[in-house]
């Protein structure tokens, strides 16, 4: 039941307990207790809305910064990742496989603001060997939500 509840809430965190109970053929009390337990265990970390900031009229720039680092003896990549994620501009930090070690998602008001963050704060950190910056140009899908307004196609189909 826990996996099913998690899947439902991941798709829409506003799904009422009453609806989840019906979907899973369980009582509302059972579902509410399961959700509370998942929260207490830290499995459900928090609830979040996915916002289309372009439609809301707020300009934001996101960049994916690939970072090559020297891991610290005894703690590996964890220590440098902690130093990086404490910056306010940092949206996310991931340990990844491939040519670079960390993928850092940075948010700023302008491309220049993000570039200054990388040049002045991120790249000079002890242990950072190199960075590669890729700016997000357009978001098509995020966390399962499609960001394109797709108009219904009213054309007639053509068959041979």
C-alpha atoms as a PDB file:
ATOM      1  CA  UNK A   1       0.000   0.000   0.000  1.00  0.00           C
ATOM      2  CA  UNK A   2       2.861   2.410   0.803  1.00  0.00           C
ATOM      3  CA  UNK A   3       4.251   2.269  -2.750  1.00  0.00           C
ATOM      4  CA  UNK A   4       0.812   2.968  -4.181  1.00  0.00           C
ATOM      5  CA  UNK A   5       0.280   5.939  -1.855  1.00  0.00           C
ATOM      6  CA  UNK A   6       3.695   7.317  -2.771  1.00  0.00           C
ATOM      7  CA  UNK A   7       2.934   7.015  -6.480  1.00  0.00           C
ATOM      8  CA  UNK A   8      -0.388   8.797  -6.099  1.00  0.00           C
ATOM      9  CA  UNK A   9       1.078  11.627  -4.020  1.00  0.00           C
ATOM     10  CA  UNK A  10       4.083  11.990  -6.290  1.00  0.00           C
ATOM     11  CA  UNK A  11       1.750  12.639  -9.206  1.00  0.00           C
ATOM     12  CA  UNK A  12      -0.557  14.976  -7.279  1.00  0.00           C
ATOM     13  CA  UNK A  13       0.297  15.861  -3.681  1.00  0.00           C
ATOM     14  CA  UNK A  14      -3.131  17.457  -3.269  1.00  0.00           C
ATOM     15  CA  UNK A  15      -4.979  14.157  -3.700  1.00  0.00           C
ATOM     16  CA  UNK A  16      -7.310  13.937  -0.698  1.00  0.00           C
ATOM     17  CA  UNK A  17      -6.969  11.020   1.720  1.00  0.00           C
ATOM     18  CA  UNK A  18     -10.597  10.148   0.978  1.00  0.00           C
ATOM     19  CA  UNK A  19      -9.852   9.720  -2.738  1.00  0.00           C
ATOM     20  CA  UNK A  20      -6.682   7.683  -2.063  1.00  0.00           C
ATOM     21  CA  UNK A  21      -8.709   5.419   0.251  1.00  0.00           C
ATOM     22  CA  UNK A  22     -11.246   4.778  -2.522  1.00  0.00           C
ATOM     23  CA  UNK A  23      -8.503   4.166  -5.086  1.00  0.00           C
ATOM     24  CA  UNK A  24      -6.805   1.602  -2.825  1.00  0.00           C
ATOM     25  CA  UNK A  25      -9.992   0.133  -1.324  1.00  0.00           C
ATOM     26  CA  UNK A  26      -8.773   1.033   2.185  1.00  0.00           C
ATOM     27  CA  UNK A  27     -10.263   3.066   4.993  1.00  0.00           C
ATOM     28  CA  UNK A  28      -9.419   6.765   5.308  1.00  0.00           C
ATOM     29  CA  UNK A  29      -7.879   6.066   8.731  1.00  0.00           C
ATOM     30  CA  UNK A  30      -5.559   3.405   7.274  1.00  0.00           C
ATOM     31  CA  UNK A  31      -4.412   5.753   4.515  1.00  0.00           C
ATOM     32  CA  UNK A  32      -3.968   8.708   6.889  1.00  0.00           C
ATOM     33  CA  UNK A  33      -1.883   6.572   9.288  1.00  0.00           C
ATOM     34  CA  UNK A  34       0.250   5.276   6.411  1.00  0.00           C
ATOM     35  CA  UNK A  35       0.895   8.815   5.127  1.00  0.00           C
ATOM     36  CA  UNK A  36       1.782  10.043   8.623  1.00  0.00           C
ATOM     37  CA  UNK A  37       4.195   7.132   9.045  1.00  0.00           C
ATOM     38  CA  UNK A  38       5.806   7.877   5.662  1.00  0.00           C
ATOM     39  CA  UNK A  39       6.266  11.495   6.766  1.00  0.00           C
ATOM     40  CA  UNK A  40       7.700  10.472  10.152  1.00  0.00           C
ATOM     41  CA  UNK A  41      10.210   8.150   8.452  1.00  0.00           C
ATOM     42  CA  UNK A  42      11.310  10.976   6.138  1.00  0.00           C
ATOM     43  CA  UNK A  43      10.185   9.066   3.047  1.00  0.00           C
ATOM     44  CA  UNK A  44       7.780  11.873   2.215  1.00  0.00           C
ATOM     45  CA  UNK A  45      10.124  14.827   2.664  1.00  0.00           C
ATOM     46  CA  UNK A  46       7.695  17.643   1.762  1.00  0.00           C
ATOM     47  CA  UNK A  47       4.969  18.602  -0.671  1.00  0.00           C
ATOM     48  CA  UNK A  48       5.687  20.861  -3.585  1.00  0.00           C
ATOM     49  CA  UNK A  49       3.968  22.650  -6.437  1.00  0.00           C
ATOM     50  CA  UNK A  50       5.476  22.650  -9.918  1.00  0.00           C
ATOM     51  CA  UNK A  51       5.149  26.188 -11.263  1.00  0.00           C
ATOM     52  CA  UNK A  52       5.372  27.348 -14.863  1.00  0.00           C
ATOM     53  CA  UNK A  53       7.259  30.552 -14.044  1.00  0.00           C
ATOM     54  CA  UNK A  54       7.225  31.689 -17.664  1.00  0.00           C
ATOM     55  CA  UNK A  55       3.427  31.814 -17.593  1.00  0.00           C
ATOM     56  CA  UNK A  56       3.533  33.489 -14.177  1.00  0.00           C
ATOM     57  CA  UNK A  57       5.662  36.255 -15.701  1.00  0.00           C
ATOM     58  CA  UNK A  58       8.737  35.720 -13.547  1.00  0.00           C
ATOM     59  CA  UNK A  59      11.969  35.526 -15.472  1.00  0.00           C
ATOM     60  CA  UNK A  60      14.398  32.964 -14.098  1.00  0.00           C
ATOM     61  CA  UNK A  61      17.499  31.445 -15.604  1.00  0.00           C
ATOM     62  CA  UNK A  62      18.585  27.898 -14.844  1.00  0.00           C
ATOM     63  CA  UNK A  63      21.928  26.378 -15.704  1.00  0.00           C
ATOM     64  CA  UNK A  64      23.321  22.879 -15.384  1.00  0.00           C
ATOM     65  CA  UNK A  65      26.878  23.117 -14.133  1.00  0.00           C
ATOM     66  CA  UNK A  66      28.912  19.954 -14.541  1.00  0.00           C
ATOM     67  CA  UNK A  67      31.697  19.975 -11.972  1.00  0.00           C
ATOM     68  CA  UNK A  68      34.839  17.858 -11.947  1.00  0.00           C
ATOM     69  CA  UNK A  69      36.188  17.614  -8.394  1.00  0.00           C
ATOM     70  CA  UNK A  70      38.819  15.893  -6.296  1.00  0.00           C
ATOM     71  CA  UNK A  71      37.054  13.772  -3.684  1.00  0.00           C
ATOM     72  CA  UNK A  72      38.189  14.175  -0.065  1.00  0.00           C
ATOM     73  CA  UNK A  73      39.812  11.194   1.635  1.00  0.00           C
ATOM     74  CA  UNK A  74      37.384   9.495   4.000  1.00  0.00           C
ATOM     75  CA  UNK A  75      34.244  11.368   2.838  1.00  0.00           C
ATOM     76  CA  UNK A  76      34.458  11.105  -0.939  1.00  0.00           C
ATOM     77  CA  UNK A  77      32.275  13.598  -2.768  1.00  0.00           C
ATOM     78  CA  UNK A  78      29.991  14.331   0.187  1.00  0.00           C
ATOM     79  CA  UNK A  79      32.032  17.163   1.686  1.00  0.00           C
ATOM     80  CA  UNK A  80      32.363  19.208  -1.494  1.00  0.00           C
ATOM     81  CA  UNK A  81      28.712  18.540  -2.374  1.00  0.00           C
ATOM     82  CA  UNK A  82      27.730  19.951   1.061  1.00  0.00           C
ATOM     83  CA  UNK A  83      29.790  23.093   0.483  1.00  0.00           C
ATOM     84  CA  UNK A  84      28.168  23.579  -2.914  1.00  0.00           C
ATOM     85  CA  UNK A  85      24.533  22.989  -1.928  1.00  0.00           C
ATOM     86  CA  UNK A  86      24.720  25.575   0.862  1.00  0.00           C
ATOM     87  CA  UNK A  87      24.839  28.421  -1.684  1.00  0.00           C
ATOM     88  CA  UNK A  88      21.481  30.143  -2.114  1.00  0.00           C
ATOM     89  CA  UNK A  89      21.779  30.049  -5.927  1.00  0.00           C
ATOM     90  CA  UNK A  90      22.079  26.253  -5.950  1.00  0.00           C
ATOM     91  CA  UNK A  91      18.779  24.550  -6.722  1.00  0.00           C
ATOM     92  CA  UNK A  92      20.026  20.917  -6.805  1.00  0.00           C
ATOM     93  CA  UNK A  93      23.246  18.885  -6.587  1.00  0.00           C
ATOM     94  CA  UNK A  94      23.639  15.353  -7.941  1.00  0.00           C
ATOM     95  CA  UNK A  95      26.527  12.886  -7.949  1.00  0.00           C
ATOM     96  CA  UNK A  96      26.647  11.542 -11.510  1.00  0.00           C
ATOM     97  CA  UNK A  97      28.603   9.097 -13.592  1.00  0.00           C
ATOM     98  CA  UNK A  98      30.549  10.126 -16.669  1.00  0.00           C
ATOM     99  CA  UNK A  99      33.160  12.739 -17.455  1.00  0.00           C
ATOM    100  CA  UNK A 100      32.136  15.032 -14.567  1.00  0.00           C
ATOM    101  CA  UNK A 101      31.414  14.142 -10.955  1.00  0.00           C
ATOM    102  CA  UNK A 102      28.656  16.507  -9.860  1.00  0.00           C
ATOM    103  CA  UNK A 103      25.745  18.113 -11.691  1.00  0.00           C
ATOM    104  CA  UNK A 104      24.738  21.366 -10.050  1.00  0.00           C
ATOM    105  CA  UNK A 105      21.521  23.128 -11.024  1.00  0.00           C
ATOM    106  CA  UNK A 106      21.859  26.860 -10.452  1.00  0.00           C
ATOM    107  CA  UNK A 107      19.134  29.491 -10.562  1.00  0.00           C
ATOM    108  CA  UNK A 108      19.582  33.202 -11.182  1.00  0.00           C
ATOM    109  CA  UNK A 109      17.798  36.242 -12.538  1.00  0.00           C
ATOM    110  CA  UNK A 110      20.078  36.551 -15.585  1.00  0.00           C
ATOM    111  CA  UNK A 111      22.669  34.507 -17.439  1.00  0.00           C
ATOM    112  CA  UNK A 112      25.277  36.986 -16.266  1.00  0.00           C
ATOM    113  CA  UNK A 113      24.297  36.445 -12.619  1.00  0.00           C
ATOM    114  CA  UNK A 114      24.702  32.682 -13.043  1.00  0.00           C
ATOM    115  CA  UNK A 115      28.036  33.152 -14.860  1.00  0.00           C
ATOM    116  CA  UNK A 116      29.349  35.348 -12.029  1.00  0.00           C
ATOM    117  CA  UNK A 117      28.278  32.734  -9.478  1.00  0.00           C
ATOM    118  CA  UNK A 118      30.206  30.038 -11.323  1.00  0.00           C
ATOM    119  CA  UNK A 119      33.300  32.206 -11.858  1.00  0.00           C
ATOM    120  CA  UNK A 120      33.431  33.890  -8.448  1.00  0.00           C
ATOM    121  CA  UNK A 121      32.070  31.287  -6.046  1.00  0.00           C
ATOM    122  CA  UNK A 122      31.848  27.791  -7.492  1.00  0.00           C
ATOM    123  CA  UNK A 123      34.956  27.380  -9.648  1.00  0.00           C
ATOM    124  CA  UNK A 124      37.383  28.757  -7.000  1.00  0.00           C
ATOM    125  CA  UNK A 125      36.249  26.245  -4.340  1.00  0.00           C
ATOM    126  CA  UNK A 126      39.012  24.014  -3.076  1.00  0.00           C
ATOM    127  CA  UNK A 127      38.658  20.641  -4.773  1.00  0.00           C
ATOM    128  CA  UNK A 128      36.914  21.956  -7.892  1.00  0.00           C
ATOM    129  CA  UNK A 129      39.061  21.110 -10.905  1.00  0.00           C
ATOM    130  CA  UNK A 130      36.804  22.302 -13.730  1.00  0.00           C
ATOM    131  CA  UNK A 131      33.257  23.276 -14.621  1.00  0.00           C
ATOM    132  CA  UNK A 132      31.088  23.171 -17.720  1.00  0.00           C
ATOM    133  CA  UNK A 133      27.972  25.350 -17.885  1.00  0.00           C
ATOM    134  CA  UNK A 134      24.872  24.626 -19.951  1.00  0.00           C
ATOM    135  CA  UNK A 135      21.982  27.080 -19.762  1.00  0.00           C
ATOM    136  CA  UNK A 136      18.416  25.812 -19.830  1.00  0.00           C
ATOM    137  CA  UNK A 137      16.804  27.318 -22.921  1.00  0.00           C
ATOM    138  CA  UNK A 138      13.330  25.783 -22.814  1.00  0.00           C
ATOM    139  CA  UNK A 139      11.550  23.364 -20.510  1.00  0.00           C
ATOM    140  CA  UNK A 140       9.396  20.754 -22.253  1.00  0.00           C
ATOM    141  CA  UNK A 141       8.724  18.384 -19.363  1.00  0.00           C
ATOM    142  CA  UNK A 142       9.619  18.532 -15.672  1.00  0.00           C
ATOM    143  CA  UNK A 143       8.768  16.033 -12.935  1.00  0.00           C
ATOM    144  CA  UNK A 144       6.299  14.345 -15.260  1.00  0.00           C
ATOM    145  CA  UNK A 145       4.489  17.558 -16.215  1.00  0.00           C
ATOM    146  CA  UNK A 146       4.495  18.678 -19.847  1.00  0.00           C
ATOM    147  CA  UNK A 147       5.126  22.418 -20.235  1.00  0.00           C
ATOM    148  CA  UNK A 148       3.996  22.770 -23.843  1.00  0.00           C
ATOM    149  CA  UNK A 149       0.549  24.031 -24.630  1.00  0.00           C
ATOM    150  CA  UNK A 150      -0.526  21.529 -27.220  1.00  0.00           C
ATOM    151  CA  UNK A 151      -3.436  22.677 -29.310  1.00  0.00           C
ATOM    152  CA  UNK A 152      -5.819  19.997 -30.464  1.00  0.00           C
ATOM    153  CA  UNK A 153      -5.141  18.956 -34.048  1.00  0.00           C
ATOM    154  CA  UNK A 154      -8.326  19.414 -36.093  1.00  0.00           C
ATOM    155  CA  UNK A 155      -6.807  18.346 -39.416  1.00  0.00           C
ATOM    156  CA  UNK A 156      -8.392  15.437 -41.208  1.00  0.00           C
ATOM    157  CA  UNK A 157      -6.273  12.349 -41.452  1.00  0.00           C
ATOM    158  CA  UNK A 158      -5.059  11.411 -44.903  1.00  0.00           C
ATOM    159  CA  UNK A 159      -4.953   7.785 -45.927  1.00  0.00           C
ATOM    160  CA  UNK A 160      -3.590   6.262 -49.129  1.00  0.00           C
END
